[in-house]
Amino acid sequence: MHDLIRSAVSLGMERHSVLFGRPTARTRARERESLEQITADRRLIGALTAPVVRG
């Protein structure tokens, strides 16, 4: 969860740079990397917290 929060903050900072600054290829690449990391973290958290069905 810590990594997910860190990636989300990083993404917010990159988005701010893109929207209010001068976006560069590197800024766009870091934004894409943050999105990919968030997706991976969410999948991992989802897999670790899947409900166990007892029958």
PDB file of N, CA and C in Angstrom:
ATOM      1  N   MET A   1       0.818  -1.180   0.000  1.00  0.00           N
ATOM      2  CA  MET A   1       0.000   0.000   0.000  1.00  0.00           C
ATOM      3  C   MET A   1       0.871   1.257   0.000  1.00  0.00           C
ATOM      4  N   HIS A   2       1.995   1.168   0.701  1.00  0.00           N
ATOM      5  CA  HIS A   2       2.917   2.295   0.764  1.00  0.00           C
ATOM      6  C   HIS A   2       3.398   2.674  -0.635  1.00  0.00           C
ATOM      7  N   ASP A   3       3.749   1.671  -1.448  1.00  0.00           N
ATOM      8  CA  ASP A   3       4.226   1.937  -2.809  1.00  0.00           C
ATOM      9  C   ASP A   3       3.118   2.534  -3.674  1.00  0.00           C
ATOM     10  N   LEU A   4       1.897   2.071  -3.485  1.00  0.00           N
ATOM     11  CA  LEU A   4       0.773   2.606  -4.249  1.00  0.00           C
ATOM     12  C   LEU A   4       0.574   4.086  -3.940  1.00  0.00           C
ATOM     13  N   ILE A   5       0.623   4.445  -2.679  1.00  0.00           N
ATOM     14  CA  ILE A   5       0.453   5.844  -2.284  1.00  0.00           C
ATOM     15  C   ILE A   5       1.593   6.694  -2.835  1.00  0.00           C
ATOM     16  N   ARG A   6       2.797   6.180  -2.731  1.00  0.00           N
ATOM     17  CA  ARG A   6       3.955   6.916  -3.261  1.00  0.00           C
ATOM     18  C   ARG A   6       3.826   7.130  -4.773  1.00  0.00           C
ATOM     19  N   SER A   7       3.386   6.119  -5.496  1.00  0.00           N
ATOM     20  CA  SER A   7       3.198   6.242  -6.947  1.00  0.00           C
ATOM     21  C   SER A   7       2.091   7.236  -7.281  1.00  0.00           C
ATOM     22  N   ALA A   8       1.029   7.232  -6.489  1.00  0.00           N
ATOM     23  CA  ALA A   8      -0.079   8.161  -6.729  1.00  0.00           C
ATOM     24  C   ALA A   8       0.367   9.606  -6.518  1.00  0.00           C
ATOM     25  N   VAL A   9       1.161   9.850  -5.491  1.00  0.00           N
ATOM     26  CA  VAL A   9       1.680  11.200  -5.254  1.00  0.00           C
ATOM     27  C   VAL A   9       2.604  11.606  -6.396  1.00  0.00           C
ATOM     28  N   SER A  10       3.448  10.693  -6.818  1.00  0.00           N
ATOM     29  CA  SER A  10       4.354  10.974  -7.929  1.00  0.00           C
ATOM     30  C   SER A  10       3.568  11.294  -9.198  1.00  0.00           C
ATOM     31  N   LEU A  11       2.515  10.530  -9.449  1.00  0.00           N
ATOM     32  CA  LEU A  11       1.682  10.780 -10.626  1.00  0.00           C
ATOM     33  C   LEU A  11       1.052  12.167 -10.541  1.00  0.00           C
ATOM     34  N   GLY A  12       0.557  12.540  -9.375  1.00  0.00           N
ATOM     35  CA  GLY A  12      -0.032  13.865  -9.215  1.00  0.00           C
ATOM     36  C   GLY A  12       0.964  14.975  -9.506  1.00  0.00           C
ATOM     37  N   MET A  13       2.177  14.795  -9.059  1.00  0.00           N
ATOM     38  CA  MET A  13       3.206  15.800  -9.312  1.00  0.00           C
ATOM     39  C   MET A  13       3.545  15.876 -10.799  1.00  0.00           C
ATOM     40  N   GLU A  14       3.619  14.721 -11.449  1.00  0.00           N
ATOM     41  CA  GLU A  14       3.899  14.709 -12.890  1.00  0.00           C
ATOM     42  C   GLU A  14       2.756  15.343 -13.672  1.00  0.00           C
ATOM     43  N   ARG A  15       1.518  15.034 -13.289  1.00  0.00           N
ATOM     44  CA  ARG A  15       0.357  15.625 -13.967  1.00  0.00           C
ATOM     45  C   ARG A  15       0.368  17.145 -13.805  1.00  0.00           C
ATOM     46  N   HIS A  16       0.720  17.623 -12.626  1.00  0.00           N
ATOM     47  CA  HIS A  16       0.792  19.059 -12.400  1.00  0.00           C
ATOM     48  C   HIS A  16       1.836  19.686 -13.327  1.00  0.00           C
ATOM     49  N   SER A  17       2.976  19.027 -13.460  1.00  0.00           N
ATOM     50  CA  SER A  17       4.023  19.533 -14.357  1.00  0.00           C
ATOM     51  C   SER A  17       3.540  19.583 -15.792  1.00  0.00           C
ATOM     52  N   VAL A  18       2.802  18.557 -16.205  1.00  0.00           N
ATOM     53  CA  VAL A  18       2.303  18.512 -17.580  1.00  0.00           C
ATOM     54  C   VAL A  18       1.259  19.602 -17.806  1.00  0.00           C
ATOM     55  N   LEU A  19       0.362  19.777 -16.843  1.00  0.00           N
ATOM     56  CA  LEU A  19      -0.738  20.727 -17.024  1.00  0.00           C
ATOM     57  C   LEU A  19      -0.318  22.188 -16.873  1.00  0.00           C
ATOM     58  N   PHE A  20       0.626  22.457 -15.971  1.00  0.00           N
ATOM     59  CA  PHE A  20       0.964  23.840 -15.668  1.00  0.00           C
ATOM     60  C   PHE A  20       2.391  24.227 -16.027  1.00  0.00           C
ATOM     61  N   GLY A  21       3.129  23.313 -16.573  1.00  0.00           N
ATOM     62  CA  GLY A  21       4.507  23.613 -16.946  1.00  0.00           C
ATOM     63  C   GLY A  21       4.720  23.327 -18.413  1.00  0.00           C
ATOM     64  N   ARG A  22       5.921  22.993 -18.710  1.00  0.00           N
ATOM     65  CA  ARG A  22       6.276  22.625 -20.080  1.00  0.00           C
ATOM     66  C   ARG A  22       6.537  21.129 -20.109  1.00  0.00           C
ATOM     67  N   PRO A  23       5.580  20.376 -20.645  1.00  0.00           N
ATOM     68  CA  PRO A  23       5.781  18.924 -20.681  1.00  0.00           C
ATOM     69  C   PRO A  23       6.924  18.555 -21.626  1.00  0.00           C
ATOM     70  N   THR A  24       7.741  17.635 -21.153  1.00  0.00           N
ATOM     71  CA  THR A  24       8.844  17.130 -21.976  1.00  0.00           C
ATOM     72  C   THR A  24       8.615  15.646 -22.194  1.00  0.00           C
ATOM     73  N   ALA A  25       9.407  15.067 -23.040  1.00  0.00           N
ATOM     74  CA  ALA A  25       9.312  13.627 -23.275  1.00  0.00           C
ATOM     75  C   ALA A  25       9.605  12.865 -21.981  1.00  0.00           C
ATOM     76  N   ARG A  26      10.538  13.362 -21.194  1.00  0.00           N
ATOM     77  CA  ARG A  26      10.883  12.700 -19.926  1.00  0.00           C
ATOM     78  C   ARG A  26       9.745  12.799 -18.920  1.00  0.00           C
ATOM     79  N   THR A  27       9.079  13.951 -18.878  1.00  0.00           N
ATOM     80  CA  THR A  27       7.933  14.109 -17.979  1.00  0.00           C
ATOM     81  C   THR A  27       6.832  13.136 -18.360  1.00  0.00           C
ATOM     82  N   ARG A  28       6.561  13.039 -19.643  1.00  0.00           N
ATOM     83  CA  ARG A  28       5.542  12.092 -20.117  1.00  0.00           C
ATOM     84  C   ARG A  28       5.936  10.651 -19.794  1.00  0.00           C
ATOM     85  N   ALA A  29       7.208  10.330 -19.942  1.00  0.00           N
ATOM     86  CA  ALA A  29       7.673   8.972 -19.639  1.00  0.00           C
ATOM     87  C   ALA A  29       7.512   8.665 -18.153  1.00  0.00           C
ATOM     88  N   ARG A  30       7.850   9.613 -17.281  1.00  0.00           N
ATOM     89  CA  ARG A  30       7.685   9.408 -15.831  1.00  0.00           C
ATOM     90  C   ARG A  30       6.217   9.275 -15.469  1.00  0.00           C
ATOM     91  N   GLU A  31       5.360  10.039 -16.147  1.00  0.00           N
ATOM     92  CA  GLU A  31       3.923   9.928 -15.923  1.00  0.00           C
ATOM     93  C   GLU A  31       3.430   8.521 -16.280  1.00  0.00           C
ATOM     94  N   ARG A  32       3.869   8.027 -17.426  1.00  0.00           N
ATOM     95  CA  ARG A  32       3.493   6.681 -17.881  1.00  0.00           C
ATOM     96  C   ARG A  32       4.018   5.616 -16.919  1.00  0.00           C
ATOM     97  N   GLU A  33       5.256   5.782 -16.443  1.00  0.00           N
ATOM     98  CA  GLU A  33       5.832   4.841 -15.482  1.00  0.00           C
ATOM     99  C   GLU A  33       5.029   4.819 -14.182  1.00  0.00           C
ATOM    100  N   SER A  34       4.594   5.980 -13.732  1.00  0.00           N
ATOM    101  CA  SER A  34       3.786   6.057 -12.506  1.00  0.00           C
ATOM    102  C   SER A  34       2.455   5.336 -12.700  1.00  0.00           C
ATOM    103  N   LEU A  35       1.824   5.559 -13.846  1.00  0.00           N
ATOM    104  CA  LEU A  35       0.555   4.871 -14.127  1.00  0.00           C
ATOM    105  C   LEU A  35       0.732   3.354 -14.164  1.00  0.00           C
ATOM    106  N   GLU A  36       1.803   2.909 -14.782  1.00  0.00           N
ATOM    107  CA  GLU A  36       2.077   1.471 -14.847  1.00  0.00           C
ATOM    108  C   GLU A  36       2.337   0.898 -13.461  1.00  0.00           C
ATOM    109  N   GLN A  37       3.050   1.633 -12.627  1.00  0.00           N
ATOM    110  CA  GLN A  37       3.335   1.173 -11.268  1.00  0.00           C
ATOM    111  C   GLN A  37       2.061   1.112 -10.437  1.00  0.00           C
ATOM    112  N   ILE A  38       1.199   2.107 -10.581  1.00  0.00           N
ATOM    113  CA  ILE A  38      -0.078   2.107  -9.857  1.00  0.00           C
ATOM    114  C   ILE A  38      -0.919   0.903 -10.274  1.00  0.00           C
ATOM    115  N   THR A  39      -0.966   0.627 -11.558  1.00  0.00           N
ATOM    116  CA  THR A  39      -1.726  -0.529 -12.047  1.00  0.00           C
ATOM    117  C   THR A  39      -1.176  -1.824 -11.464  1.00  0.00           C
ATOM    118  N   ALA A  40       0.142  -1.973 -11.468  1.00  0.00           N
ATOM    119  CA  ALA A  40       0.761  -3.179 -10.915  1.00  0.00           C
ATOM    120  C   ALA A  40       0.492  -3.305  -9.415  1.00  0.00           C
ATOM    121  N   ASP A  41       0.603  -2.187  -8.682  1.00  0.00           N
ATOM    122  CA  ASP A  41       0.352  -2.212  -7.237  1.00  0.00           C
ATOM    123  C   ASP A  41      -1.102  -2.567  -6.937  1.00  0.00           C
ATOM    124  N   ARG A  42      -2.026  -2.018  -7.697  1.00  0.00           N
ATOM    125  CA  ARG A  42      -3.447  -2.323  -7.473  1.00  0.00           C
ATOM    126  C   ARG A  42      -3.737  -3.799  -7.728  1.00  0.00           C
ATOM    127  N   ARG A  43      -3.125  -4.348  -8.775  1.00  0.00           N
ATOM    128  CA  ARG A  43      -3.317  -5.783  -9.056  1.00  0.00           C
ATOM    129  C   ARG A  43      -2.764  -6.637  -7.916  1.00  0.00           C
ATOM    130  N   LEU A  44      -1.606  -6.269  -7.422  1.00  0.00           N
ATOM    131  CA  LEU A  44      -0.995  -7.021  -6.330  1.00  0.00           C
ATOM    132  C   LEU A  44      -1.854  -6.938  -5.076  1.00  0.00           C
ATOM    133  N   ILE A  45      -2.291  -5.747  -4.724  1.00  0.00           N
ATOM    134  CA  ILE A  45      -3.147  -5.597  -3.548  1.00  0.00           C
ATOM    135  C   ILE A  45      -4.442  -6.381  -3.717  1.00  0.00           C
ATOM    136  N   GLY A  46      -5.015  -6.335  -4.903  1.00  0.00           N
ATOM    137  CA  GLY A  46      -6.234  -7.096  -5.180  1.00  0.00           C
ATOM    138  C   GLY A  46      -6.020  -8.583  -5.036  1.00  0.00           C
ATOM    139  N   ALA A  47      -4.879  -9.071  -5.483  1.00  0.00           N
ATOM    140  CA  ALA A  47      -4.583 -10.505  -5.393  1.00  0.00           C
ATOM    141  C   ALA A  47      -4.348 -10.923  -3.950  1.00  0.00           C
ATOM    142  N   LEU A  48      -3.765 -10.041  -3.165  1.00  0.00           N
ATOM    143  CA  LEU A  48      -3.467 -10.370  -1.765  1.00  0.00           C
ATOM    144  C   LEU A  48      -4.692 -10.254  -0.871  1.00  0.00           C
ATOM    145  N   THR A  49      -5.686  -9.515  -1.310  1.00  0.00           N
ATOM    146  CA  THR A  49      -6.851  -9.292  -0.455  1.00  0.00           C
ATOM    147  C   THR A  49      -8.104  -9.976  -1.001  1.00  0.00           C
ATOM    148  N   ALA A  50      -7.929 -10.896  -1.948  1.00  0.00           N
ATOM    149  CA  ALA A  50      -9.081 -11.592  -2.510  1.00  0.00           C
ATOM    150  C   ALA A  50      -9.785 -12.369  -1.413  1.00  0.00           C
ATOM    151  N   PRO A  51     -11.106 -12.301  -1.391  1.00  0.00           N
ATOM    152  CA  PRO A  51     -11.849 -13.017  -0.356  1.00  0.00           C
ATOM    153  C   PRO A  51     -11.683 -14.523  -0.493  1.00  0.00           C
ATOM    154  N   VAL A  52     -11.660 -15.178   0.631  1.00  0.00           N
ATOM    155  CA  VAL A  52     -11.566 -16.637   0.648  1.00  0.00           C
ATOM    156  C   VAL A  52     -12.983 -17.182   0.832  1.00  0.00           C
ATOM    157  N   VAL A  53     -13.386 -18.019  -0.091  1.00  0.00           N
ATOM    158  CA  VAL A  53     -14.718 -18.608  -0.010  1.00  0.00           C
ATOM    159  C   VAL A  53     -14.626 -19.924   0.728  1.00  0.00           C
ATOM    160  N   ARG A  54     -15.340 -20.005   1.805  1.00  0.00           N
ATOM    161  CA  ARG A  54     -15.346 -21.247   2.575  1.00  0.00           C
ATOM    162  C   ARG A  54     -16.624 -21.995   2.281  1.00  0.00           C
ATOM    163  N   GLY A  55     -16.473 -23.240   2.042  1.00  0.00           N
ATOM    164  CA  GLY A  55     -17.681 -23.977   1.663  1.00  0.00           C
ATOM    165  C   GLY A  55     -17.786 -25.211   2.352  1.00  0.00           C
TER     166      GLY A  55
END
